mmCIF file of all heavy atoms, coordinates in Angstrom:
data_MODEL
# 
_entry.id   MODEL 
# 
loop_
_atom_site.group_PDB 
_atom_site.id 
_atom_site.type_symbol 
_atom_site.label_atom_id 
_atom_site.label_alt_id 
_atom_site.label_comp_id 
_atom_site.label_asym_id 
_atom_site.label_entity_id 
_atom_site.label_seq_id 
_atom_site.pdbx_PDB_ins_code 
_atom_site.Cartn_x 
_atom_site.Cartn_y 
_atom_site.Cartn_z 
_atom_site.occupancy 
_atom_site.B_iso_or_equiv 
_atom_site.pdbx_formal_charge 
_atom_site.auth_seq_id 
_atom_site.auth_comp_id 
_atom_site.auth_asym_id 
_atom_site.auth_atom_id 
_atom_site.pdbx_PDB_model_num 
ATOM 1   N N   . ALA A 1 1  ? 29.821 -2.796  86.988 1.00 0.00 ? 1  ALA A N   1 
ATOM 2   C CA  . ALA A 1 1  ? 30.469 -4.047  86.581 1.00 0.00 ? 1  ALA A CA  1 
ATOM 3   C C   . ALA A 1 1  ? 29.426 -5.078  86.152 1.00 0.00 ? 1  ALA A C   1 
ATOM 4   O O   . ALA A 1 1  ? 29.617 -5.778  85.143 1.00 0.00 ? 1  ALA A O   1 
ATOM 5   C CB  . ALA A 1 1  ? 31.305 -4.601  87.710 1.00 0.00 ? 1  ALA A CB  1 
ATOM 6   N N   . CYS A 1 2  ? 28.280 -5.126  86.825 1.00 0.00 ? 2  CYS A N   1 
ATOM 7   C CA  . CYS A 1 2  ? 27.232 -6.076  86.439 1.00 0.00 ? 2  CYS A CA  1 
ATOM 8   C C   . CYS A 1 2  ? 26.674 -5.710  85.060 1.00 0.00 ? 2  CYS A C   1 
ATOM 9   O O   . CYS A 1 2  ? 26.414 -6.603  84.239 1.00 0.00 ? 2  CYS A O   1 
ATOM 10  C CB  . CYS A 1 2  ? 26.084 -6.066  87.475 1.00 0.00 ? 2  CYS A CB  1 
ATOM 11  S SG  . CYS A 1 2  ? 26.526 -6.939  88.987 1.00 0.00 ? 2  CYS A SG  1 
ATOM 12  N N   . ALA A 1 3  ? 26.485 -4.405  84.810 1.00 0.00 ? 3  ALA A N   1 
ATOM 13  C CA  . ALA A 1 3  ? 25.977 -3.982  83.496 1.00 0.00 ? 3  ALA A CA  1 
ATOM 14  C C   . ALA A 1 3  ? 27.011 -4.322  82.402 1.00 0.00 ? 3  ALA A C   1 
ATOM 15  O O   . ALA A 1 3  ? 26.651 -4.790  81.339 1.00 0.00 ? 3  ALA A O   1 
ATOM 16  C CB  . ALA A 1 3  ? 25.703 -2.480  83.510 1.00 0.00 ? 3  ALA A CB  1 
ATOM 17  N N   . ALA A 1 4  ? 28.272 -4.138  82.691 1.00 0.00 ? 4  ALA A N   1 
ATOM 18  C CA  . ALA A 1 4  ? 29.303 -4.472  81.695 1.00 0.00 ? 4  ALA A CA  1 
ATOM 19  C C   . ALA A 1 4  ? 29.392 -5.990  81.499 1.00 0.00 ? 4  ALA A C   1 
ATOM 20  O O   . ALA A 1 4  ? 29.657 -6.432  80.383 1.00 0.00 ? 4  ALA A O   1 
ATOM 21  C CB  . ALA A 1 4  ? 30.659 -3.964  82.179 1.00 0.00 ? 4  ALA A CB  1 
ATOM 22  N N   . GLY A 1 5  ? 29.110 -6.744  82.542 1.00 0.00 ? 5  GLY A N   1 
ATOM 23  C CA  . GLY A 1 5  ? 29.184 -8.209  82.469 1.00 0.00 ? 5  GLY A CA  1 
ATOM 24  C C   . GLY A 1 5  ? 28.038 -8.843  81.673 1.00 0.00 ? 5  GLY A C   1 
ATOM 25  O O   . GLY A 1 5  ? 28.134 -10.025 81.332 1.00 0.00 ? 5  GLY A O   1 
ATOM 26  N N   . VAL A 1 6  ? 27.010 -8.053  81.323 1.00 0.00 ? 6  VAL A N   1 
ATOM 27  C CA  . VAL A 1 6  ? 25.921 -8.612  80.521 1.00 0.00 ? 6  VAL A CA  1 
ATOM 28  C C   . VAL A 1 6  ? 26.437 -9.002  79.149 1.00 0.00 ? 6  VAL A C   1 
ATOM 29  O O   . VAL A 1 6  ? 26.066 -9.996  78.559 1.00 0.00 ? 6  VAL A O   1 
ATOM 30  C CB  . VAL A 1 6  ? 24.757 -7.604  80.440 1.00 0.00 ? 6  VAL A CB  1 
ATOM 31  C CG1 . VAL A 1 6  ? 23.715 -8.026  79.402 1.00 0.00 ? 6  VAL A CG1 1 
ATOM 32  C CG2 . VAL A 1 6  ? 24.119 -7.389  81.771 1.00 0.00 ? 6  VAL A CG2 1 
ATOM 33  N N   . THR A 1 7  ? 27.295 -8.150  78.603 1.00 0.00 ? 7  THR A N   1 
ATOM 34  C CA  . THR A 1 7  ? 27.952 -8.469  77.298 1.00 0.00 ? 7  THR A CA  1 
ATOM 35  C C   . THR A 1 7  ? 29.468 -8.429  77.537 1.00 0.00 ? 7  THR A C   1 
ATOM 36  O O   . THR A 1 7  ? 30.118 -7.469  77.206 1.00 0.00 ? 7  THR A O   1 
ATOM 37  C CB  . THR A 1 7  ? 27.552 -7.432  76.232 1.00 0.00 ? 7  THR A CB  1 
ATOM 38  O OG1 . THR A 1 7  ? 27.830 -6.110  76.763 1.00 0.00 ? 7  THR A OG1 1 
ATOM 39  C CG2 . THR A 1 7  ? 26.139 -7.544  75.817 1.00 0.00 ? 7  THR A CG2 1 
ATOM 40  N N   . PRO A 1 8  ? 29.999 -9.481  78.188 1.00 0.00 ? 8  PRO A N   1 
ATOM 41  C CA  . PRO A 1 8  ? 31.401 -9.444  78.598 1.00 0.00 ? 8  PRO A CA  1 
ATOM 42  C C   . PRO A 1 8  ? 32.364 -9.334  77.453 1.00 0.00 ? 8  PRO A C   1 
ATOM 43  O O   . PRO A 1 8  ? 32.205 -9.982  76.407 1.00 0.00 ? 8  PRO A O   1 
ATOM 44  C CB  . PRO A 1 8  ? 31.559 -10.761 79.364 1.00 0.00 ? 8  PRO A CB  1 
ATOM 45  C CG  . PRO A 1 8  ? 30.503 -11.653 78.871 1.00 0.00 ? 8  PRO A CG  1 
ATOM 46  C CD  . PRO A 1 8  ? 29.366 -10.745 78.460 1.00 0.00 ? 8  PRO A CD  1 
ATOM 47  N N   . LEU A 1 9  ? 33.325 -8.520  77.617 1.00 0.00 ? 9  LEU A N   1 
ATOM 48  C CA  . LEU A 1 9  ? 34.387 -8.354  76.628 1.00 0.00 ? 9  LEU A CA  1 
ATOM 49  C C   . LEU A 1 9  ? 35.659 -7.966  77.377 1.00 0.00 ? 9  LEU A C   1 
ATOM 50  O O   . LEU A 1 9  ? 35.681 -6.941  78.082 1.00 0.00 ? 9  LEU A O   1 
ATOM 51  C CB  . LEU A 1 9  ? 34.004 -7.243  75.671 1.00 0.00 ? 9  LEU A CB  1 
ATOM 52  C CG  . LEU A 1 9  ? 34.759 -7.096  74.352 1.00 0.00 ? 9  LEU A CG  1 
ATOM 53  C CD1 . LEU A 1 9  ? 34.642 -8.393  73.505 1.00 0.00 ? 9  LEU A CD1 1 
ATOM 54  C CD2 . LEU A 1 9  ? 34.232 -5.952  73.550 1.00 0.00 ? 9  LEU A CD2 1 
ATOM 55  N N   . ARG A 1 10 ? 36.674 -8.773  77.261 1.00 0.00 ? 10 ARG A N   1 
ATOM 56  C CA  . ARG A 1 10 ? 37.925 -8.484  77.948 1.00 0.00 ? 10 ARG A CA  1 
ATOM 57  C C   . ARG A 1 10 ? 38.632 -7.300  77.311 1.00 0.00 ? 10 ARG A C   1 
ATOM 58  O O   . ARG A 1 10 ? 38.587 -7.116  76.111 1.00 0.00 ? 10 ARG A O   1 
ATOM 59  C CB  . ARG A 1 10 ? 38.854 -9.690  77.954 1.00 0.00 ? 10 ARG A CB  1 
ATOM 60  C CG  . ARG A 1 10 ? 38.332 -10.813 78.795 1.00 0.00 ? 10 ARG A CG  1 
ATOM 61  C CD  . ARG A 1 10 ? 39.450 -11.790 79.135 1.00 0.00 ? 10 ARG A CD  1 
ATOM 62  N NE  . ARG A 1 10 ? 38.939 -12.925 79.847 1.00 0.00 ? 10 ARG A NE  1 
ATOM 63  C CZ  . ARG A 1 10 ? 38.769 -12.930 81.173 1.00 0.00 ? 10 ARG A CZ  1 
ATOM 64  N NH1 . ARG A 1 10 ? 39.034 -11.887 81.874 1.00 0.00 ? 10 ARG A NH1 1 
ATOM 65  N NH2 . ARG A 1 10 ? 38.311 -14.010 81.769 1.00 0.00 ? 10 ARG A NH2 1 
ATOM 66  N N   . TYR A 1 11 ? 39.246 -6.507  78.176 1.00 0.00 ? 11 TYR A N   1 
ATOM 67  C CA  . TYR A 1 11 ? 39.992 -5.351  77.697 1.00 0.00 ? 11 TYR A CA  1 
ATOM 68  C C   . TYR A 1 11 ? 41.272 -5.758  77.024 1.00 0.00 ? 11 TYR A C   1 
ATOM 69  O O   . TYR A 1 11 ? 41.987 -6.621  77.500 1.00 0.00 ? 11 TYR A O   1 
ATOM 70  C CB  . TYR A 1 11 ? 40.316 -4.429  78.898 1.00 0.00 ? 11 TYR A CB  1 
ATOM 71  C CG  . TYR A 1 11 ? 41.094 -3.211  78.509 1.00 0.00 ? 11 TYR A CG  1 
ATOM 72  C CD1 . TYR A 1 11 ? 40.461 -2.099  78.019 1.00 0.00 ? 11 TYR A CD1 1 
ATOM 73  C CD2 . TYR A 1 11 ? 42.457 -3.186  78.597 1.00 0.00 ? 11 TYR A CD2 1 
ATOM 74  C CE1 . TYR A 1 11 ? 41.164 -0.970  77.661 1.00 0.00 ? 11 TYR A CE1 1 
ATOM 75  C CE2 . TYR A 1 11 ? 43.200 -2.072  78.242 1.00 0.00 ? 11 TYR A CE2 1 
ATOM 76  C CZ  . TYR A 1 11 ? 42.523 -0.961  77.789 1.00 0.00 ? 11 TYR A CZ  1 
ATOM 77  O OH  . TYR A 1 11 ? 43.269 0.135   77.404 1.00 0.00 ? 11 TYR A OH  1 
ATOM 78  N N   . ASN A 1 12 ? 41.548 -5.171  75.870 1.00 0.00 ? 12 ASN A N   1 
ATOM 79  C CA  . ASN A 1 12 ? 42.873 -5.241  75.281 1.00 0.00 ? 12 ASN A CA  1 
ATOM 80  C C   . ASN A 1 12 ? 43.111 -3.933  74.540 1.00 0.00 ? 12 ASN A C   1 
ATOM 81  O O   . ASN A 1 12 ? 42.167 -3.283  74.061 1.00 0.00 ? 12 ASN A O   1 
ATOM 82  C CB  . ASN A 1 12 ? 43.093 -6.506  74.436 1.00 0.00 ? 12 ASN A CB  1 
ATOM 83  C CG  . ASN A 1 12 ? 42.347 -6.482  73.109 1.00 0.00 ? 12 ASN A CG  1 
ATOM 84  O OD1 . ASN A 1 12 ? 42.410 -5.516  72.390 1.00 0.00 ? 12 ASN A OD1 1 
ATOM 85  N ND2 . ASN A 1 12 ? 41.695 -7.576  72.787 1.00 0.00 ? 12 ASN A ND2 1 
ATOM 86  N N   . LEU A 1 13 ? 44.385 -3.569  74.443 1.00 0.00 ? 13 LEU A N   1 
ATOM 87  C CA  . LEU A 1 13 ? 44.741 -2.252  73.907 1.00 0.00 ? 13 LEU A CA  1 
ATOM 88  C C   . LEU A 1 13 ? 44.344 -2.131  72.432 1.00 0.00 ? 13 LEU A C   1 
ATOM 89  O O   . LEU A 1 13 ? 43.938 -1.050  72.016 1.00 0.00 ? 13 LEU A O   1 
ATOM 90  C CB  . LEU A 1 13 ? 46.235 -2.040  74.097 1.00 0.00 ? 13 LEU A CB  1 
ATOM 91  C CG  . LEU A 1 13 ? 46.753 -0.620  74.041 1.00 0.00 ? 13 LEU A CG  1 
ATOM 92  C CD1 . LEU A 1 13 ? 45.922 0.289   74.962 1.00 0.00 ? 13 LEU A CD1 1 
ATOM 93  C CD2 . LEU A 1 13 ? 48.207 -0.531  74.373 1.00 0.00 ? 13 LEU A CD2 1 
ATOM 94  N N   . THR A 1 14 ? 44.443 -3.207  71.667 1.00 0.00 ? 14 THR A N   1 
ATOM 95  C CA  . THR A 1 14 ? 44.109 -3.131  70.237 1.00 0.00 ? 14 THR A CA  1 
ATOM 96  C C   . THR A 1 14 ? 42.612 -2.817  70.086 1.00 0.00 ? 14 THR A C   1 
ATOM 97  O O   . THR A 1 14 ? 42.233 -1.956  69.277 1.00 0.00 ? 14 THR A O   1 
ATOM 98  C CB  . THR A 1 14 ? 44.427 -4.471  69.567 1.00 0.00 ? 14 THR A CB  1 
ATOM 99  O OG1 . THR A 1 14 ? 45.832 -4.756  69.790 1.00 0.00 ? 14 THR A OG1 1 
ATOM 100 C CG2 . THR A 1 14 ? 44.162 -4.419  68.082 1.00 0.00 ? 14 THR A CG2 1 
ATOM 101 N N   . ARG A 1 15 ? 41.758 -3.522  70.840 1.00 0.00 ? 15 ARG A N   1 
ATOM 102 C CA  . ARG A 1 15 ? 40.345 -3.257  70.734 1.00 0.00 ? 15 ARG A CA  1 
ATOM 103 C C   . ARG A 1 15 ? 39.998 -1.858  71.207 1.00 0.00 ? 15 ARG A C   1 
ATOM 104 O O   . ARG A 1 15 ? 39.176 -1.164  70.611 1.00 0.00 ? 15 ARG A O   1 
ATOM 105 C CB  . ARG A 1 15 ? 39.571 -4.289  71.572 1.00 0.00 ? 15 ARG A CB  1 
ATOM 106 C CG  . ARG A 1 15 ? 38.057 -4.133  71.501 1.00 0.00 ? 15 ARG A CG  1 
ATOM 107 C CD  . ARG A 1 15 ? 37.350 -5.176  72.315 1.00 0.00 ? 15 ARG A CD  1 
ATOM 108 N NE  . ARG A 1 15 ? 37.427 -6.489  71.633 1.00 0.00 ? 15 ARG A NE  1 
ATOM 109 C CZ  . ARG A 1 15 ? 37.911 -7.580  72.203 1.00 0.00 ? 15 ARG A CZ  1 
ATOM 110 N NH1 . ARG A 1 15 ? 38.301 -7.598  73.449 1.00 0.00 ? 15 ARG A NH1 1 
ATOM 111 N NH2 . ARG A 1 15 ? 37.965 -8.721  71.537 1.00 0.00 ? 15 ARG A NH2 1 
ATOM 112 N N   . ALA A 1 16 ? 40.642 -1.430  72.292 1.00 0.00 ? 16 ALA A N   1 
ATOM 113 C CA  . ALA A 1 16 ? 40.364 -0.094  72.825 1.00 0.00 ? 16 ALA A CA  1 
ATOM 114 C C   . ALA A 1 16 ? 40.809 0.966   71.783 1.00 0.00 ? 16 ALA A C   1 
ATOM 115 O O   . ALA A 1 16 ? 40.056 1.956   71.579 1.00 0.00 ? 16 ALA A O   1 
ATOM 116 C CB  . ALA A 1 16 ? 41.152 0.093   74.134 1.00 0.00 ? 16 ALA A CB  1 
ATOM 117 N N   . ALA A 1 17 ? 41.916 0.777   71.169 1.00 0.00 ? 17 ALA A N   1 
ATOM 118 C CA  . ALA A 1 17 ? 42.410 1.750   70.129 1.00 0.00 ? 17 ALA A CA  1 
ATOM 119 C C   . ALA A 1 17 ? 41.462 1.770   68.917 1.00 0.00 ? 17 ALA A C   1 
ATOM 120 O O   . ALA A 1 17 ? 41.157 2.832   68.387 1.00 0.00 ? 17 ALA A O   1 
ATOM 121 C CB  . ALA A 1 17 ? 43.820 1.412   69.685 1.00 0.00 ? 17 ALA A CB  1 
ATOM 122 N N   . ASP A 1 18 ? 40.969 0.583   68.500 1.00 0.00 ? 18 ASP A N   1 
ATOM 123 C CA  . ASP A 1 18 ? 40.048 0.501   67.399 1.00 0.00 ? 18 ASP A CA  1 
ATOM 124 C C   . ASP A 1 18 ? 38.730 1.237   67.736 1.00 0.00 ? 18 ASP A C   1 
ATOM 125 O O   . ASP A 1 18 ? 38.219 2.008   66.948 1.00 0.00 ? 18 ASP A O   1 
ATOM 126 C CB  . ASP A 1 18 ? 39.746 -0.937  67.045 1.00 0.00 ? 18 ASP A CB  1 
ATOM 127 C CG  . ASP A 1 18 ? 38.911 -1.109  65.794 1.00 0.00 ? 18 ASP A CG  1 
ATOM 128 O OD1 . ASP A 1 18 ? 38.944 -0.222  64.900 1.00 0.00 ? 18 ASP A OD1 1 
ATOM 129 O OD2 . ASP A 1 18 ? 38.128 -2.095  65.723 1.00 0.00 ? 18 ASP A OD2 1 
ATOM 130 N N   . PHE A 1 19 ? 38.249 1.033   68.956 1.00 0.00 ? 19 PHE A N   1 
ATOM 131 C CA  . PHE A 1 19 ? 37.028 1.664   69.377 1.00 0.00 ? 19 PHE A CA  1 
ATOM 132 C C   . PHE A 1 19 ? 37.205 3.202   69.373 1.00 0.00 ? 19 PHE A C   1 
ATOM 133 O O   . PHE A 1 19 ? 36.385 3.941   68.833 1.00 0.00 ? 19 PHE A O   1 
ATOM 134 C CB  . PHE A 1 19 ? 36.614 1.189   70.780 1.00 0.00 ? 19 PHE A CB  1 
ATOM 135 C CG  . PHE A 1 19 ? 35.403 1.870   71.317 1.00 0.00 ? 19 PHE A CG  1 
ATOM 136 C CD1 . PHE A 1 19 ? 34.138 1.477   70.939 1.00 0.00 ? 19 PHE A CD1 1 
ATOM 137 C CD2 . PHE A 1 19 ? 35.516 2.961   72.206 1.00 0.00 ? 19 PHE A CD2 1 
ATOM 138 C CE1 . PHE A 1 19 ? 33.013 2.106   71.424 1.00 0.00 ? 19 PHE A CE1 1 
ATOM 139 C CE2 . PHE A 1 19 ? 34.413 3.594   72.691 1.00 0.00 ? 19 PHE A CE2 1 
ATOM 140 C CZ  . PHE A 1 19 ? 33.156 3.174   72.305 1.00 0.00 ? 19 PHE A CZ  1 
ATOM 141 N N   . CYS A 1 20 ? 38.297 3.676   69.983 1.00 0.00 ? 20 CYS A N   1 
ATOM 142 C CA  . CYS A 1 20 ? 38.536 5.122   70.061 1.00 0.00 ? 20 CYS A CA  1 
ATOM 143 C C   . CYS A 1 20 ? 38.765 5.710   68.646 1.00 0.00 ? 20 CYS A C   1 
ATOM 144 O O   . CYS A 1 20 ? 38.413 6.864   68.384 1.00 0.00 ? 20 CYS A O   1 
ATOM 145 C CB  . CYS A 1 20 ? 39.715 5.402   70.958 1.00 0.00 ? 20 CYS A CB  1 
ATOM 146 S SG  . CYS A 1 20 ? 39.339 5.077   72.701 1.00 0.00 ? 20 CYS A SG  1 
ATOM 147 N N   . GLY A 1 21 ? 39.360 4.909   67.765 1.00 0.00 ? 21 GLY A N   1 
ATOM 148 C CA  . GLY A 1 21 ? 39.513 5.383   66.354 1.00 0.00 ? 21 GLY A CA  1 
ATOM 149 C C   . GLY A 1 21 ? 38.183 5.609   65.686 1.00 0.00 ? 21 GLY A C   1 
ATOM 150 O O   . GLY A 1 21 ? 38.005 6.565   64.954 1.00 0.00 ? 21 GLY A O   1 
ATOM 151 N N   . ARG A 1 22 ? 37.220 4.760   65.984 1.00 0.00 ? 22 ARG A N   1 
ATOM 152 C CA  . ARG A 1 22 ? 35.878 4.918   65.407 1.00 0.00 ? 22 ARG A CA  1 
ATOM 153 C C   . ARG A 1 22 ? 35.235 6.196   65.945 1.00 0.00 ? 22 ARG A C   1 
ATOM 154 O O   . ARG A 1 22 ? 34.591 6.932   65.191 1.00 0.00 ? 22 ARG A O   1 
ATOM 155 C CB  . ARG A 1 22 ? 34.989 3.728   65.750 1.00 0.00 ? 22 ARG A CB  1 
ATOM 156 C CG  . ARG A 1 22 ? 35.360 2.442   65.039 1.00 0.00 ? 22 ARG A CG  1 
ATOM 157 C CD  . ARG A 1 22 ? 34.615 1.258   65.628 1.00 0.00 ? 22 ARG A CD  1 
ATOM 158 N NE  . ARG A 1 22 ? 35.095 0.021   65.074 1.00 0.00 ? 22 ARG A NE  1 
ATOM 159 C CZ  . ARG A 1 22 ? 34.395 -0.745  64.204 1.00 0.00 ? 22 ARG A CZ  1 
ATOM 160 N NH1 . ARG A 1 22 ? 33.184 -0.357  63.842 1.00 0.00 ? 22 ARG A NH1 1 
ATOM 161 N NH2 . ARG A 1 22 ? 34.906 -1.840  63.754 1.00 0.00 ? 22 ARG A NH2 1 
ATOM 162 N N   . ILE A 1 23 ? 35.419 6.448   67.233 1.00 0.00 ? 23 ILE A N   1 
ATOM 163 C CA  . ILE A 1 23 ? 34.851 7.667   67.833 1.00 0.00 ? 23 ILE A CA  1 
ATOM 164 C C   . ILE A 1 23 ? 35.515 8.888   67.249 1.00 0.00 ? 23 ILE A C   1 
ATOM 165 O O   . ILE A 1 23 ? 34.882 9.874   66.857 1.00 0.00 ? 23 ILE A O   1 
ATOM 166 C CB  . ILE A 1 23 ? 35.019 7.636   69.372 1.00 0.00 ? 23 ILE A CB  1 
ATOM 167 C CG1 . ILE A 1 23 ? 34.269 6.480   70.003 1.00 0.00 ? 23 ILE A CG1 1 
ATOM 168 C CG2 . ILE A 1 23 ? 34.626 8.982   70.004 1.00 0.00 ? 23 ILE A CG2 1 
ATOM 169 C CD1 . ILE A 1 23 ? 32.752 6.530   69.859 1.00 0.00 ? 23 ILE A CD1 1 
ATOM 170 N N   . ALA A 1 24 ? 36.830 8.864   67.131 1.00 0.00 ? 24 ALA A N   1 
ATOM 171 C CA  . ALA A 1 24 ? 37.558 10.034  66.559 1.00 0.00 ? 24 ALA A CA  1 
ATOM 172 C C   . ALA A 1 24 ? 37.161 10.302  65.119 1.00 0.00 ? 24 ALA A C   1 
ATOM 173 O O   . ALA A 1 24 ? 37.129 11.449  64.685 1.00 0.00 ? 24 ALA A O   1 
ATOM 174 C CB  . ALA A 1 24 ? 39.062 9.797   66.666 1.00 0.00 ? 24 ALA A CB  1 
ATOM 175 N N   . ALA A 1 25 ? 36.827 9.247   64.401 1.00 0.00 ? 25 ALA A N   1 
ATOM 176 C CA  . ALA A 1 25 ? 36.382 9.392   62.990 1.00 0.00 ? 25 ALA A CA  1 
ATOM 177 C C   . ALA A 1 25 ? 35.007 9.958   62.865 1.00 0.00 ? 25 ALA A C   1 
ATOM 178 O O   . ALA A 1 25 ? 34.542 10.233  61.749 1.00 0.00 ? 25 ALA A O   1 
ATOM 179 C CB  . ALA A 1 25 ? 36.522 8.061   62.260 1.00 0.00 ? 25 ALA A CB  1 
ATOM 180 N N   . GLY A 1 26 ? 34.290 10.085  63.987 1.00 0.00 ? 26 GLY A N   1 
ATOM 181 C CA  . GLY A 1 26 ? 32.968 10.706  63.938 1.00 0.00 ? 26 GLY A CA  1 
ATOM 182 C C   . GLY A 1 26 ? 31.806 9.785   64.207 1.00 0.00 ? 26 GLY A C   1 
ATOM 183 O O   . GLY A 1 26 ? 30.663 10.205  64.182 1.00 0.00 ? 26 GLY A O   1 
ATOM 184 N N   . ALA A 1 27 ? 32.073 8.517   64.478 1.00 0.00 ? 27 ALA A N   1 
ATOM 185 C CA  . ALA A 1 27 ? 30.971 7.587   64.778 1.00 0.00 ? 27 ALA A CA  1 
ATOM 186 C C   . ALA A 1 27 ? 30.333 7.957   66.112 1.00 0.00 ? 27 ALA A C   1 
ATOM 187 O O   . ALA A 1 27 ? 31.036 8.217   67.087 1.00 0.00 ? 27 ALA A O   1 
ATOM 188 C CB  . ALA A 1 27 ? 31.464 6.149   64.807 1.00 0.00 ? 27 ALA A CB  1 
ATOM 189 N N   . PRO A 1 28 ? 28.998 7.975   66.158 1.00 0.00 ? 28 PRO A N   1 
ATOM 190 C CA  . PRO A 1 28 ? 28.356 8.202   67.465 1.00 0.00 ? 28 PRO A CA  1 
ATOM 191 C C   . PRO A 1 28 ? 28.680 7.041   68.404 1.00 0.00 ? 28 PRO A C   1 
ATOM 192 O O   . PRO A 1 28 ? 28.948 5.913   67.935 1.00 0.00 ? 28 PRO A O   1 
ATOM 193 C CB  . PRO A 1 28 ? 26.854 8.220   67.154 1.00 0.00 ? 28 PRO A CB  1 
ATOM 194 C CG  . PRO A 1 28 ? 26.764 8.373   65.661 1.00 0.00 ? 28 PRO A CG  1 
ATOM 195 C CD  . PRO A 1 28 ? 28.035 7.875   65.083 1.00 0.00 ? 28 PRO A CD  1 
ATOM 196 N N   . MET A 1 29 ? 28.661 7.286   69.688 1.00 0.00 ? 29 MET A N   1 
ATOM 197 C CA  . MET A 1 29 ? 28.956 6.249   70.682 1.00 0.00 ? 29 MET A CA  1 
ATOM 198 C C   . MET A 1 29 ? 28.094 5.027   70.496 1.00 0.00 ? 29 MET A C   1 
ATOM 199 O O   . MET A 1 29 ? 28.591 3.902   70.564 1.00 0.00 ? 29 MET A O   1 
ATOM 200 C CB  . MET A 1 29 ? 28.797 6.822   72.106 1.00 0.00 ? 29 MET A CB  1 
ATOM 201 C CG  . MET A 1 29 ? 29.292 5.941   73.206 1.00 0.00 ? 29 MET A CG  1 
ATOM 202 S SD  . MET A 1 29 ? 31.085 5.859   73.358 1.00 0.00 ? 29 MET A SD  1 
ATOM 203 C CE  . MET A 1 29 ? 31.484 7.435   74.043 1.00 0.00 ? 29 MET A CE  1 
# 
């Protein structure tokens, strides 16, 4: 949690779906 809090970003489903879409399209993590 401390490591995640260095660059805080609240969870929302739209952002999560966009992120996973990038991964599915082949973008490296």
